[in-house]
Amino acid sequence: MKLDSFFDEKDISFEVFDDFSGSLDTAPELDESKLVRSLVLKRQEGYLHCLLPSSSNVDEEALPAAVKLVSPVEVEQVTGFEPEGLHPFYSGMRKLVDLELLKKEVLYFEAGESGRVVKLGRDDFFRALESFDFEVTEVFE
């Protein structure tokens, strides 16, 4: 899915930073709590696409025995994206969205290409998610 046409189709305004170096120094208004990180979990029923603030810590040992964090190699095999390029609007799996993201006025995420970051208002972010099977929850307590 091309994100630009996806957002245009939904009449969602967005801003793109094509030269984001991965350093928060290049965008002072962007802190890790506003940067959406994608993780993929595997369970017996299939894969889950988890969206959480980049500042969140993930304790793999705290996951239920039937759930595992998918390796970067498997993420790429399953989605076609390198893990850092897997954007929140990838359509291939159910999503769990961390409750903390609701508290941010603005959200940023990497957009499938190295160095490309998209900025969306919170309401537009969640309006775009309405096209998918998702649940807002505490992903990692």
Protein backbone atom coordinates (compact mmCIF):
# COMPACT_ATOMS: atom_id res chain seq x y z
CA MET A 1 0.00 0.00 0.00
CA LYS A 2 1.34 3.42 -0.92
CA LEU A 3 0.88 5.58 2.16
CA ASP A 4 0.49 8.83 0.24
CA SER A 5 -2.50 7.54 -1.74
CA PHE A 6 -3.93 5.81 1.36
CA PHE A 7 -3.94 9.13 3.26
CA ASP A 8 -5.21 11.09 0.26
CA GLU A 9 -8.08 8.64 -0.18
CA LYS A 10 -9.07 9.18 3.47
CA ASP A 11 -8.53 12.96 3.27
CA ILE A 12 -5.87 12.80 6.00
CA SER A 13 -3.26 15.53 6.12
CA PHE A 14 0.28 14.45 6.89
CA GLU A 15 3.81 15.75 6.78
CA VAL A 16 6.80 13.78 5.47
CA PHE A 17 10.43 14.15 6.49
CA ASP A 18 12.48 12.43 3.79
CA ASP A 19 15.89 13.03 5.30
CA PHE A 20 15.34 11.90 8.88
CA SER A 21 18.68 10.55 10.05
CA GLY A 22 17.29 8.49 12.90
CA SER A 23 18.62 11.02 15.37
CA LEU A 24 16.11 12.82 17.51
CA ASP A 25 18.47 15.83 17.34
CA THR A 26 17.25 16.51 13.79
CA ALA A 27 13.65 16.97 14.97
CA PRO A 28 13.63 18.54 18.44
CA GLU A 29 9.82 18.31 18.77
CA LEU A 30 10.03 14.55 18.25
CA ASP A 31 10.70 12.60 21.41
CA GLU A 32 10.68 8.81 21.65
CA SER A 33 7.24 8.76 23.24
CA LYS A 34 5.76 10.25 20.02
CA LEU A 35 7.61 7.90 17.66
CA VAL A 36 5.46 4.84 16.93
CA ARG A 37 7.39 1.58 16.93
CA SER A 38 6.09 -1.53 15.19
CA LEU A 39 6.74 -4.93 16.71
CA VAL A 40 5.43 -8.24 15.48
CA LEU A 41 4.38 -10.97 17.87
CA LYS A 42 3.60 -14.55 16.92
CA ARG A 43 1.00 -16.68 18.64
CA GLN A 44 -0.80 -19.86 17.68
CA GLU A 45 -3.63 -17.93 15.98
CA GLY A 46 -1.18 -15.96 13.85
CA TYR A 47 0.77 -12.72 13.91
CA LEU A 48 -0.04 -9.50 15.76
CA HIS A 49 1.26 -6.09 14.72
CA CYS A 50 1.90 -4.08 17.90
CA LEU A 51 2.11 -0.29 17.76
CA LEU A 52 3.71 1.35 20.78
CA PRO A 53 5.79 4.37 21.70
CA SER A 54 9.43 3.90 20.80
CA SER A 55 10.26 4.72 24.42
CA SER A 56 8.46 1.57 25.64
CA ASN A 57 10.51 -1.29 26.98
CA VAL A 58 9.67 -4.79 25.89
CA ASP A 59 10.44 -7.63 28.27
CA GLU A 60 10.38 -10.79 26.16
CA GLU A 61 10.55 -12.96 29.27
CA ALA A 62 7.29 -11.42 30.53
CA LEU A 63 5.39 -12.54 27.42
CA PRO A 64 3.06 -15.52 27.82
CA ALA A 65 4.69 -18.81 26.80
CA ALA A 66 2.47 -19.07 23.71
CA VAL A 67 3.58 -15.63 22.42
CA LYS A 68 6.98 -14.75 21.03
CA LEU A 69 8.60 -11.64 19.63
CA VAL A 70 9.32 -12.24 15.95
CA SER A 71 12.93 -11.91 14.78
CA PRO A 72 13.87 -9.16 12.30
CA VAL A 73 14.46 -11.80 9.60
CA GLU A 74 10.98 -13.28 10.10
CA VAL A 75 9.38 -9.80 10.11
CA GLU A 76 10.88 -9.16 6.69
CA GLN A 77 9.84 -12.60 5.40
CA VAL A 78 6.24 -12.14 6.59
CA THR A 79 5.69 -8.47 5.73
CA GLY A 80 8.21 -7.64 3.02
CA PHE A 81 9.47 -4.77 5.18
CA GLU A 82 12.63 -4.46 7.22
CA PRO A 83 11.51 -4.13 10.87
CA GLU A 84 12.39 -0.43 11.07
CA GLY A 85 10.38 0.23 7.91
CA LEU A 86 7.20 -1.59 8.94
CA HIS A 87 4.66 1.22 9.15
CA PRO A 88 1.51 1.25 11.33
CA PHE A 89 -0.79 0.92 8.33
CA TYR A 90 0.62 -2.34 7.00
CA SER A 91 -2.52 -4.28 6.16
CA GLY A 92 -1.48 -7.89 6.62
CA MET A 93 -2.28 -8.51 10.29
CA ARG A 94 -4.39 -7.56 13.31
CA LYS A 95 -3.07 -4.63 15.34
CA LEU A 96 -2.69 -3.96 19.03
CA VAL A 97 -2.26 -0.23 19.68
CA ASP A 98 -0.73 0.86 22.96
CA LEU A 99 -2.96 3.07 25.08
CA GLU A 100 -0.09 5.55 25.58
CA LEU A 101 -0.38 6.64 21.93
CA LEU A 102 -3.82 8.10 22.67
CA LYS A 103 -2.16 10.61 25.01
CA LYS A 104 -0.01 12.21 22.29
CA GLU A 105 -1.30 15.09 20.18
CA VAL A 106 1.09 14.26 17.34
CA LEU A 107 2.61 10.93 16.29
CA TYR A 108 5.53 10.06 14.03
CA PHE A 109 6.44 6.79 12.35
CA GLU A 110 8.91 5.43 9.84
CA ALA A 111 7.27 4.94 6.49
CA GLY A 112 8.68 1.87 4.82
CA GLU A 113 11.84 3.55 3.58
CA SER A 114 15.02 4.35 5.41
CA GLY A 115 15.05 7.96 6.54
CA ARG A 116 11.39 8.63 5.70
CA VAL A 117 9.30 9.68 8.69
CA VAL A 118 5.64 10.69 8.62
CA LYS A 119 3.97 13.07 11.06
CA LEU A 120 0.24 12.73 11.77
CA GLY A 121 -2.08 14.29 14.28
CA ARG A 122 -3.42 11.77 16.81
CA ASP A 123 -7.00 11.99 15.53
CA ASP A 124 -5.89 11.41 11.93
CA PHE A 125 -3.68 8.52 13.03
CA PHE A 126 -6.61 6.76 14.69
CA ARG A 127 -8.99 7.64 11.85
CA ALA A 128 -6.58 5.94 9.44
CA LEU A 129 -6.46 2.88 11.70
CA GLU A 130 -10.24 2.50 11.40
CA SER A 131 -9.60 0.69 8.11
CA PHE A 132 -7.99 -2.17 10.02
CA ASP A 133 -8.78 -4.73 12.70
CA PHE A 134 -7.25 -3.09 15.77
CA GLU A 135 -7.63 -2.86 19.51
CA VAL A 136 -6.34 -0.16 21.85
CA THR A 137 -4.88 -1.72 24.98
CA GLU A 138 -1.86 -1.76 27.25
CA VAL A 139 0.36 -3.76 24.94
CA PHE A 140 3.17 -4.23 27.47
CA GLU A 141 2.35 -3.47 31.09
